Structure formats: structure tokens, C-alpha cells
């Protein structure tokens, strides 16, 4: 089979690549929103990290350190 118009093939491959990347990023974005909302709900309700994983507790400490350093400047 001989390809006489490589531009058409490139456009089809490019469109498929775009759709796959867009699908992945939509799922990733939804997951990050859910994690962030869970973290903010935990903070707002004052659970003090009872249901928070250790990695999220580390994140909270880093955010507090950066916030304090920015406020002090």
C-alpha cells in the first residue's frame, strides 16, 4: 500500500494523539480537584488531620511554612 498524501495520515494521527492527551488530562484534573476539595474540607471542618494520609500532612506543613515566610516578608 502506497501513501500518496502523508499530510492526511499525519492529521489523523495528530487528532488521535490530541484526543488521548485531552482525555488523560481531564481525568487527572478531576482527580486533583477531588483531592484538593477533600483537603480543604478537612481543614474547614477542623478534623486536624485525623483522616488525612501522611503525605497530605507533609503537604500541609510545607504550605504553612511557605505561608509564614511570605507573610513575614
Protein backbone atom coordinates (compact mmCIF):
# COMPACT_ATOMS: atom_id res chain seq x y z
CA UNK A 1 0.00 0.00 0.00
CA UNK A 2 1.45 3.34 -1.02
CA UNK A 3 0.66 6.51 0.87
CA UNK A 4 0.27 9.36 -1.60
CA UNK A 5 -0.85 12.01 0.90
CA UNK A 6 1.22 11.81 4.13
CA UNK A 7 -0.40 15.04 5.32
CA UNK A 8 -3.75 13.27 5.78
CA UNK A 9 -2.15 10.46 7.79
CA UNK A 10 -0.33 13.00 9.98
CA UNK A 11 -3.57 14.87 10.62
CA UNK A 12 -5.37 11.66 11.67
CA UNK A 13 -2.52 10.64 13.98
CA UNK A 14 -2.35 14.17 15.39
CA UNK A 15 -6.10 14.22 16.07
CA UNK A 16 -5.95 10.85 17.81
CA UNK A 17 -2.98 11.97 19.91
CA UNK A 18 -4.80 15.16 20.89
CA UNK A 19 -7.92 13.24 21.99
CA UNK A 20 -5.92 10.75 24.07
CA UNK A 21 -3.93 13.52 25.77
CA UNK A 22 -7.09 15.55 26.42
CA UNK A 23 -8.82 12.52 27.96
CA UNK A 24 -5.87 11.82 30.25
CA UNK A 25 -5.63 15.44 31.37
CA UNK A 26 -9.38 15.60 32.06
CA UNK A 27 -9.15 12.58 34.36
CA UNK A 28 -6.02 13.99 36.03
CA UNK A 29 -7.71 17.37 36.55
CA UNK A 30 -10.81 15.78 38.06
CA UNK A 31 -8.65 13.75 40.46
CA UNK A 32 -6.65 16.78 41.56
CA UNK A 33 -9.85 18.77 42.17
CA UNK A 34 -11.26 15.97 44.31
CA UNK A 35 -8.07 15.69 46.38
CA UNK A 36 -7.87 19.45 46.88
CA UNK A 37 -11.52 19.69 47.91
CA UNK A 38 -11.05 16.85 50.38
CA UNK A 39 -8.06 18.62 51.89
CA UNK A 40 -9.91 21.93 52.17
CA UNK A 41 -12.97 20.25 53.70
CA UNK A 42 -10.73 18.55 56.25
CA UNK A 43 -9.20 21.92 57.14
CA UNK A 44 -12.54 23.76 57.28
CA UNK A 45 -14.26 21.18 59.46
CA UNK A 46 -11.34 21.12 61.89
CA UNK A 47 -10.61 17.41 61.88
CA UNK A 48 -6.95 18.28 62.45
CA UNK A 49 -5.74 15.61 60.08
CA UNK A 50 -7.43 12.61 61.70
CA UNK A 51 -8.42 11.15 58.34
CA UNK A 52 -5.50 12.69 56.46
CA UNK A 53 -2.78 10.49 54.94
CA UNK A 54 0.81 11.17 55.99
CA UNK A 55 1.71 12.58 52.58
CA UNK A 56 -1.09 15.14 52.89
CA UNK A 57 0.11 16.10 56.38
CA UNK A 58 3.56 16.76 54.95
CA UNK A 59 1.99 18.92 52.26
CA UNK A 60 0.10 20.91 54.90
CA UNK A 61 3.30 21.55 56.86
CA UNK A 62 5.10 22.77 53.73
CA UNK A 63 2.21 25.09 52.85
CA UNK A 64 2.18 26.52 56.37
CA UNK A 65 5.94 27.15 56.26
CA UNK A 66 5.69 28.95 52.92
CA UNK A 67 2.70 30.96 54.06
CA UNK A 68 4.52 32.11 57.20
CA UNK A 69 7.62 33.08 55.21
CA UNK A 70 5.56 35.08 52.69
CA UNK A 71 3.56 36.84 55.42
CA UNK A 72 6.72 37.77 57.33
CA UNK A 73 8.24 39.49 54.29
